Amino acid sequence: MVIGILYVSNIQDVRVTQAFFGVVPRRLVGVLGGSFLFAVASMTVWGRVSWSEPTLALAAVAVAWVPMAIGAALGDILPGT
């Protein structure tokens, strides 16, 4: 979904100079990475995950990460339009 949202907002204009390893657009890495780091940090600070069980903690973070990534992708297209 995130790739689709970013593609609709002209991700196809990203040049090779704007990609990691010549393939992955920086915009995609920023949206997914930023939302993942925020999901991990916020759920840890709020005490929603216990890292003593990392599999369960990552599953809980992944559930929160999906809507955060979609929101970040939608928020990313606003400044560029």
PDB file of N, CA and C in Angstrom:
ATOM      1  N   MET A   1       0.817  -1.192   0.000  1.00  0.00           N
ATOM      2  CA  MET A   1       0.000   0.000   0.000  1.00  0.00           C
ATOM      3  C   MET A   1       0.863   1.259   0.000  1.00  0.00           C
ATOM      4  N   VAL A   2       1.939   1.239   0.776  1.00  0.00           N
ATOM      5  CA  VAL A   2       2.807   2.414   0.862  1.00  0.00           C
ATOM      6  C   VAL A   2       3.446   2.701  -0.492  1.00  0.00           C
ATOM      7  N   ILE A   3       3.926   1.667  -1.162  1.00  0.00           N
ATOM      8  CA  ILE A   3       4.524   1.861  -2.486  1.00  0.00           C
ATOM      9  C   ILE A   3       3.490   2.400  -3.454  1.00  0.00           C
ATOM     10  N   GLY A   4       2.258   1.909  -3.401  1.00  0.00           N
ATOM     11  CA  GLY A   4       1.197   2.404  -4.269  1.00  0.00           C
ATOM     12  C   GLY A   4       0.882   3.867  -4.014  1.00  0.00           C
ATOM     13  N   ILE A   5       0.818   4.255  -2.746  1.00  0.00           N
ATOM     14  CA  ILE A   5       0.545   5.663  -2.409  1.00  0.00           C
ATOM     15  C   ILE A   5       1.671   6.553  -2.903  1.00  0.00           C
ATOM     16  N   LEU A   6       2.906   6.124  -2.667  1.00  0.00           N
ATOM     17  CA  LEU A   6       4.037   6.940  -3.112  1.00  0.00           C
ATOM     18  C   LEU A   6       4.153   6.968  -4.632  1.00  0.00           C
ATOM     19  N   TYR A   7       3.778   5.880  -5.311  1.00  0.00           N
ATOM     20  CA  TYR A   7       3.833   5.859  -6.766  1.00  0.00           C
ATOM     21  C   TYR A   7       2.818   6.842  -7.356  1.00  0.00           C
ATOM     22  N   VAL A   8       1.636   6.862  -6.784  1.00  0.00           N
ATOM     23  CA  VAL A   8       0.609   7.788  -7.262  1.00  0.00           C
ATOM     24  C   VAL A   8       1.062   9.230  -7.077  1.00  0.00           C
ATOM     25  N   SER A   9       1.860   9.488  -6.043  1.00  0.00           N
ATOM     26  CA  SER A   9       2.329  10.847  -5.790  1.00  0.00           C
ATOM     27  C   SER A   9       3.651  11.131  -6.506  1.00  0.00           C
ATOM     28  N   ASN A  10       3.849  10.508  -7.642  1.00  0.00           N
ATOM     29  CA  ASN A  10       4.990  10.744  -8.542  1.00  0.00           C
ATOM     30  C   ASN A  10       6.315  10.222  -8.030  1.00  0.00           C
ATOM     31  N   ILE A  11       6.320   9.038  -7.430  1.00  0.00           N
ATOM     32  CA  ILE A  11       7.599   8.446  -7.049  1.00  0.00           C
ATOM     33  C   ILE A  11       8.379   8.057  -8.298  1.00  0.00           C
ATOM     34  N   GLN A  12       7.696   7.938  -9.439  1.00  0.00           N
ATOM     35  CA  GLN A  12       8.399   7.564 -10.661  1.00  0.00           C
ATOM     36  C   GLN A  12       9.376   8.649 -11.108  1.00  0.00           C
ATOM     37  N   ASP A  13       9.325   9.825 -10.535  1.00  0.00           N
ATOM     38  CA  ASP A  13      10.257  10.892 -10.872  1.00  0.00           C
ATOM     39  C   ASP A  13      11.586  10.770 -10.137  1.00  0.00           C
ATOM     40  N   VAL A  14      11.725   9.810  -9.236  1.00  0.00           N
ATOM     41  CA  VAL A  14      12.956   9.643  -8.470  1.00  0.00           C
ATOM     42  C   VAL A  14      14.045   9.131  -9.396  1.00  0.00           C
ATOM     43  N   ARG A  15      15.144   9.844  -9.469  1.00  0.00           N
ATOM     44  CA  ARG A  15      16.264   9.478 -10.335  1.00  0.00           C
ATOM     45  C   ARG A  15      17.181   8.497  -9.625  1.00  0.00           C
ATOM     46  N   VAL A  16      18.116   7.946 -10.349  1.00  0.00           N
ATOM     47  CA  VAL A  16      19.071   7.002  -9.777  1.00  0.00           C
ATOM     48  C   VAL A  16      19.893   7.670  -8.696  1.00  0.00           C
ATOM     49  N   THR A  17      20.137   8.975  -8.797  1.00  0.00           N
ATOM     50  CA  THR A  17      20.896   9.678  -7.764  1.00  0.00           C
ATOM     51  C   THR A  17      20.118   9.763  -6.454  1.00  0.00           C
ATOM     52  N   GLN A  18      18.834   9.514  -6.494  1.00  0.00           N
ATOM     53  CA  GLN A  18      17.990   9.584  -5.305  1.00  0.00           C
ATOM     54  C   GLN A  18      17.625   8.189  -4.798  1.00  0.00           C
ATOM     55  N   ALA A  19      18.455   7.192  -5.095  1.00  0.00           N
ATOM     56  CA  ALA A  19      18.125   5.829  -4.697  1.00  0.00           C
ATOM     57  C   ALA A  19      19.296   5.188  -3.955  1.00  0.00           C
ATOM     58  N   PHE A  20      18.965   4.283  -3.059  1.00  0.00           N
ATOM     59  CA  PHE A  20      19.978   3.485  -2.393  1.00  0.00           C
ATOM     60  C   PHE A  20      20.244   2.249  -3.240  1.00  0.00           C
ATOM     61  N   PHE A  21      21.487   1.945  -3.453  1.00  0.00           N
ATOM     62  CA  PHE A  21      21.905   0.804  -4.265  1.00  0.00           C
ATOM     63  C   PHE A  21      21.386   0.893  -5.694  1.00  0.00           C
ATOM     64  N   GLY A  22      20.975   2.079  -6.127  1.00  0.00           N
ATOM     65  CA  GLY A  22      20.472   2.273  -7.477  1.00  0.00           C
ATOM     66  C   GLY A  22      19.084   1.719  -7.714  1.00  0.00           C
ATOM     67  N   VAL A  23      18.424   1.219  -6.680  1.00  0.00           N
ATOM     68  CA  VAL A  23      17.131   0.567  -6.850  1.00  0.00           C
ATOM     69  C   VAL A  23      16.059   1.117  -5.909  1.00  0.00           C
ATOM     70  N   VAL A  24      16.379   1.242  -4.633  1.00  0.00           N
ATOM     71  CA  VAL A  24      15.384   1.594  -3.621  1.00  0.00           C
ATOM     72  C   VAL A  24      15.340   3.111  -3.446  1.00  0.00           C
ATOM     73  N   PRO A  25      14.201   3.741  -3.742  1.00  0.00           N
ATOM     74  CA  PRO A  25      14.093   5.199  -3.605  1.00  0.00           C
ATOM     75  C   PRO A  25      14.246   5.657  -2.152  1.00  0.00           C
ATOM     76  N   ARG A  26      14.922   6.761  -1.975  1.00  0.00           N
ATOM     77  CA  ARG A  26      15.134   7.311  -0.633  1.00  0.00           C
ATOM     78  C   ARG A  26      13.813   7.682   0.033  1.00  0.00           C
ATOM     79  N   ARG A  27      12.873   8.113  -0.749  1.00  0.00           N
ATOM     80  CA  ARG A  27      11.578   8.506  -0.205  1.00  0.00           C
ATOM     81  C   ARG A  27      10.891   7.308   0.456  1.00  0.00           C
ATOM     82  N   LEU A  28      10.966   6.154  -0.191  1.00  0.00           N
ATOM     83  CA  LEU A  28      10.374   4.941   0.365  1.00  0.00           C
ATOM     84  C   LEU A  28      11.097   4.517   1.634  1.00  0.00           C
ATOM     85  N   VAL A  29      12.415   4.565   1.626  1.00  0.00           N
ATOM     86  CA  VAL A  29      13.198   4.203   2.803  1.00  0.00           C
ATOM     87  C   VAL A  29      12.887   5.161   3.958  1.00  0.00           C
ATOM     88  N   GLY A  30      12.761   6.434   3.646  1.00  0.00           N
ATOM     89  CA  GLY A  30      12.448   7.409   4.686  1.00  0.00           C
ATOM     90  C   GLY A  30      11.081   7.199   5.311  1.00  0.00           C
ATOM     91  N   VAL A  31      10.097   6.930   4.482  1.00  0.00           N
ATOM     92  CA  VAL A  31       8.738   6.732   4.989  1.00  0.00           C
ATOM     93  C   VAL A  31       8.655   5.456   5.816  1.00  0.00           C
ATOM     94  N   LEU A  32       9.177   4.360   5.286  1.00  0.00           N
ATOM     95  CA  LEU A  32       9.102   3.092   6.011  1.00  0.00           C
ATOM     96  C   LEU A  32      10.019   3.072   7.232  1.00  0.00           C
ATOM     97  N   GLY A  33      11.229   3.593   7.076  1.00  0.00           N
ATOM     98  CA  GLY A  33      12.165   3.605   8.194  1.00  0.00           C
ATOM     99  C   GLY A  33      11.727   4.522   9.316  1.00  0.00           C
ATOM    100  N   GLY A  34      11.283   5.701   8.954  1.00  0.00           N
ATOM    101  CA  GLY A  34      10.831   6.656   9.963  1.00  0.00           C
ATOM    102  C   GLY A  34       9.625   6.156  10.744  1.00  0.00           C
ATOM    103  N   SER A  35       8.670   5.588  10.042  1.00  0.00           N
ATOM    104  CA  SER A  35       7.479   5.084  10.734  1.00  0.00           C
ATOM    105  C   SER A  35       7.812   3.858  11.586  1.00  0.00           C
ATOM    106  N   PHE A  36       8.748   3.014  11.121  1.00  0.00           N
ATOM    107  CA  PHE A  36       9.137   1.850  11.928  1.00  0.00           C
ATOM    108  C   PHE A  36       9.861   2.285  13.199  1.00  0.00           C
ATOM    109  N   LEU A  37      10.790   3.207  13.067  1.00  0.00           N
ATOM    110  CA  LEU A  37      11.513   3.681  14.252  1.00  0.00           C
ATOM    111  C   LEU A  37      10.574   4.350  15.248  1.00  0.00           C
ATOM    112  N   PHE A  38       9.613   5.103  14.740  1.00  0.00           N
ATOM    113  CA  PHE A  38       8.645   5.740  15.636  1.00  0.00           C
ATOM    114  C   PHE A  38       7.760   4.696  16.307  1.00  0.00           C
ATOM    115  N   ALA A  39       7.369   3.660  15.579  1.00  0.00           N
ATOM    116  CA  ALA A  39       6.553   2.602  16.171  1.00  0.00           C
ATOM    117  C   ALA A  39       7.310   1.891  17.288  1.00  0.00           C
ATOM    118  N   VAL A  40       8.571   1.565  17.038  1.00  0.00           N
ATOM    119  CA  VAL A  40       9.384   0.894  18.062  1.00  0.00           C
ATOM    120  C   VAL A  40       9.567   1.806  19.273  1.00  0.00           C
ATOM    121  N   ALA A  41       9.943   3.050  19.033  1.00  0.00           N
ATOM    122  CA  ALA A  41      10.207   3.981  20.136  1.00  0.00           C
ATOM    123  C   ALA A  41       8.951   4.271  20.950  1.00  0.00           C
ATOM    124  N   SER A  42       7.857   4.575  20.275  1.00  0.00           N
ATOM    125  CA  SER A  42       6.649   4.943  21.006  1.00  0.00           C
ATOM    126  C   SER A  42       6.061   3.767  21.773  1.00  0.00           C
ATOM    127  N   MET A  43       6.079   2.582  21.178  1.00  0.00           N
ATOM    128  CA  MET A  43       5.528   1.435  21.897  1.00  0.00           C
ATOM    129  C   MET A  43       6.420   1.010  23.063  1.00  0.00           C
ATOM    130  N   THR A  44       7.718   1.245  22.937  1.00  0.00           N
ATOM    131  CA  THR A  44       8.626   0.931  24.044  1.00  0.00           C
ATOM    132  C   THR A  44       8.464   1.936  25.181  1.00  0.00           C
ATOM    133  N   VAL A  45       8.413   3.217  24.837  1.00  0.00           N
ATOM    134  CA  VAL A  45       8.282   4.263  25.858  1.00  0.00           C
ATOM    135  C   VAL A  45       6.951   4.144  26.594  1.00  0.00           C
ATOM    136  N   TRP A  46       5.889   3.834  25.872  1.00  0.00           N
ATOM    137  CA  TRP A  46       4.573   3.724  26.497  1.00  0.00           C
ATOM    138  C   TRP A  46       4.364   2.395  27.213  1.00  0.00           C
ATOM    139  N   GLY A  47       5.349   1.499  27.147  1.00  0.00           N
ATOM    140  CA  GLY A  47       5.259   0.231  27.846  1.00  0.00           C
ATOM    141  C   GLY A  47       4.324  -0.774  27.210  1.00  0.00           C
ATOM    142  N   ARG A  48       4.048  -0.638  25.920  1.00  0.00           N
ATOM    143  CA  ARG A  48       3.141  -1.554  25.233  1.00  0.00           C
ATOM    144  C   ARG A  48       3.818  -2.853  24.818  1.00  0.00           C
ATOM    145  N   VAL A  49       5.146  -2.874  24.777  1.00  0.00           N
ATOM    146  CA  VAL A  49       5.873  -4.080  24.406  1.00  0.00           C
ATOM    147  C   VAL A  49       6.907  -4.401  25.478  1.00  0.00           C
ATOM    148  N   SER A  50       7.142  -5.678  25.648  1.00  0.00           N
ATOM    149  CA  SER A  50       8.178  -6.151  26.555  1.00  0.00           C
ATOM    150  C   SER A  50       9.233  -6.845  25.705  1.00  0.00           C
ATOM    151  N   TRP A  51      10.430  -6.302  25.668  1.00  0.00           N
ATOM    152  CA  TRP A  51      11.465  -6.837  24.791  1.00  0.00           C
ATOM    153  C   TRP A  51      12.105  -8.101  25.354  1.00  0.00           C
ATOM    154  N   SER A  52      11.576  -8.610  26.454  1.00  0.00           N
ATOM    155  CA  SER A  52      12.052  -9.901  26.945  1.00  0.00           C
ATOM    156  C   SER A  52      11.551 -11.030  26.036  1.00  0.00           C
ATOM    157  N   GLU A  53      10.465 -10.770  25.319  1.00  0.00           N
ATOM    158  CA  GLU A  53       9.943 -11.695  24.311  1.00  0.00           C
ATOM    159  C   GLU A  53      10.001 -10.977  22.961  1.00  0.00           C
ATOM    160  N   PRO A  54      11.140 -11.024  22.261  1.00  0.00           N
ATOM    161  CA  PRO A  54      11.307 -10.223  21.052  1.00  0.00           C
ATOM    162  C   PRO A  54      10.358 -10.579  19.909  1.00  0.00           C
ATOM    163  N   THR A  55       9.976 -11.842  19.780  1.00  0.00           N
ATOM    164  CA  THR A  55       9.060 -12.215  18.704  1.00  0.00           C
ATOM    165  C   THR A  55       7.700 -11.565  18.898  1.00  0.00           C
ATOM    166  N   LEU A  56       7.199 -11.620  20.096  1.00  0.00           N
ATOM    167  CA  LEU A  56       5.909 -10.997  20.400  1.00  0.00           C
ATOM    168  C   LEU A  56       5.994  -9.476  20.293  1.00  0.00           C
ATOM    169  N   ALA A  57       7.112  -8.918  20.718  1.00  0.00           N
ATOM    170  CA  ALA A  57       7.293  -7.467  20.644  1.00  0.00           C
ATOM    171  C   ALA A  57       7.332  -6.999  19.191  1.00  0.00           C
ATOM    172  N   LEU A  58       8.065  -7.716  18.337  1.00  0.00           N
ATOM    173  CA  LEU A  58       8.117  -7.337  16.918  1.00  0.00           C
ATOM    174  C   LEU A  58       6.768  -7.498  16.241  1.00  0.00           C
ATOM    175  N   ALA A  59       6.003  -8.502  16.645  1.00  0.00           N
ATOM    176  CA  ALA A  59       4.664  -8.671  16.079  1.00  0.00           C
ATOM    177  C   ALA A  59       3.757  -7.499  16.470  1.00  0.00           C
ATOM    178  N   ALA A  60       3.841  -7.078  17.707  1.00  0.00           N
ATOM    179  CA  ALA A  60       3.033  -5.940  18.161  1.00  0.00           C
ATOM    180  C   ALA A  60       3.460  -4.661  17.452  1.00  0.00           C
ATOM    181  N   VAL A  61       4.767  -4.479  17.271  1.00  0.00           N
ATOM    182  CA  VAL A  61       5.265  -3.292  16.570  1.00  0.00           C
ATOM    183  C   VAL A  61       4.823  -3.322  15.108  1.00  0.00           C
ATOM    184  N   ALA A  62       4.840  -4.497  14.484  1.00  0.00           N
ATOM    185  CA  ALA A  62       4.425  -4.611  13.083  1.00  0.00           C
ATOM    186  C   ALA A  62       2.959  -4.230  12.908  1.00  0.00           C
ATOM    187  N   VAL A  63       2.128  -4.605  13.864  1.00  0.00           N
ATOM    188  CA  VAL A  63       0.710  -4.249  13.790  1.00  0.00           C
ATOM    189  C   VAL A  63       0.531  -2.737  13.874  1.00  0.00           C
ATOM    190  N   ALA A  64       1.303  -2.075  14.704  1.00  0.00           N
ATOM    191  CA  ALA A  64       1.215  -0.617  14.816  1.00  0.00           C
ATOM    192  C   ALA A  64       1.911   0.073  13.647  1.00  0.00           C
ATOM    193  N   TRP A  65       2.907  -0.580  13.058  1.00  0.00           N
ATOM    194  CA  TRP A  65       3.707   0.019  11.989  1.00  0.00           C
ATOM    195  C   TRP A  65       2.905   0.212  10.712  1.00  0.00           C
ATOM    196  N   VAL A  66       1.996  -0.698  10.393  1.00  0.00           N
ATOM    197  CA  VAL A  66       1.248  -0.619   9.134  1.00  0.00           C
ATOM    198  C   VAL A  66       0.458   0.681   9.026  1.00  0.00           C
ATOM    199  N   PRO A  67      -0.399   1.035   9.980  1.00  0.00           N
ATOM    200  CA  PRO A  67      -1.108   2.314   9.828  1.00  0.00           C
ATOM    201  C   PRO A  67      -0.178   3.523   9.916  1.00  0.00           C
ATOM    202  N   MET A  68       0.910   3.404  10.677  1.00  0.00           N
ATOM    203  CA  MET A  68       1.868   4.508  10.744  1.00  0.00           C
ATOM    204  C   MET A  68       2.534   4.725   9.399  1.00  0.00           C
ATOM    205  N   ALA A  69       2.877   3.645   8.698  1.00  0.00           N
ATOM    206  CA  ALA A  69       3.517   3.764   7.395  1.00  0.00           C
ATOM    207  C   ALA A  69       2.557   4.360   6.368  1.00  0.00           C
ATOM    208  N   ILE A  70       1.297   3.959   6.413  1.00  0.00           N
ATOM    209  CA  ILE A  70       0.304   4.524   5.495  1.00  0.00           C
ATOM    210  C   ILE A  70       0.104   6.006   5.789  1.00  0.00           C
ATOM    211  N   GLY A  71       0.036   6.358   7.052  1.00  0.00           N
ATOM    212  CA  GLY A  71      -0.094   7.771   7.417  1.00  0.00           C
ATOM    213  C   GLY A  71       1.124   8.583   7.021  1.00  0.00           C
ATOM    214  N   ALA A  72       2.301   7.999   7.165  1.00  0.00           N
ATOM    215  CA  ALA A  72       3.522   8.700   6.761  1.00  0.00           C
ATOM    216  C   ALA A  72       3.559   8.896   5.250  1.00  0.00           C
ATOM    217  N   ALA A  73       3.103   7.911   4.498  1.00  0.00           N
ATOM    218  CA  ALA A  73       3.076   8.046   3.040  1.00  0.00           C
ATOM    219  C   ALA A  73       2.088   9.127   2.616  1.00  0.00           C
ATOM    220  N   LEU A  74       0.936   9.157   3.254  1.00  0.00           N
ATOM    221  CA  LEU A  74      -0.037  10.209   2.940  1.00  0.00           C
ATOM    222  C   LEU A  74       0.481  11.584   3.361  1.00  0.00           C
ATOM    223  N   GLY A  75       1.137  11.647   4.495  1.00  0.00           N
ATOM    224  CA  GLY A  75       1.717  12.916   4.936  1.00  0.00           C
ATOM    225  C   GLY A  75       2.873  13.361   4.079  1.00  0.00           C
ATOM    226  N   ASP A  76       3.564  12.423   3.470  1.00  0.00           N
ATOM    227  CA  ASP A  76       4.705  12.759   2.619  1.00  0.00           C
ATOM    228  C   ASP A  76       4.269  13.392   1.307  1.00  0.00           C
ATOM    229  N   ILE A  77       3.099  13.054   0.808  1.00  0.00           N
ATOM    230  CA  ILE A  77       2.679  13.611  -0.478  1.00  0.00           C
ATOM    231  C   ILE A  77       2.150  15.020  -0.333  1.00  0.00           C
ATOM    232  N   LEU A  78       1.767  15.440   0.859  1.00  0.00           N
ATOM    233  CA  LEU A  78       1.196  16.773   1.032  1.00  0.00           C
ATOM    234  C   LEU A  78       2.189  17.905   0.725  1.00  0.00           C
ATOM    235  N   PRO A  79       3.417  17.868   1.258  1.00  0.00           N
ATOM    236  CA  PRO A  79       4.327  18.977   0.979  1.00  0.00           C
ATOM    237  C   PRO A  79       4.737  19.076  -0.489  1.00  0.00           C
ATOM    238  N   GLY A  80       4.718  17.971  -1.213  1.00  0.00           N
ATOM    239  CA  GLY A  80       5.173  17.983  -2.597  1.00  0.00           C
ATOM    240  C   GLY A  80       4.100  18.333  -3.602  1.00  0.00           C
ATOM    241  N   THR A  81       2.846  18.515  -3.175  1.00  0.00           N
ATOM    242  CA  THR A  81       1.788  18.796  -4.135  1.00  0.00           C
ATOM    243  C   THR A  81       1.466  20.260  -4.206  1.00  0.00           C
TER     244      THR A  81
END
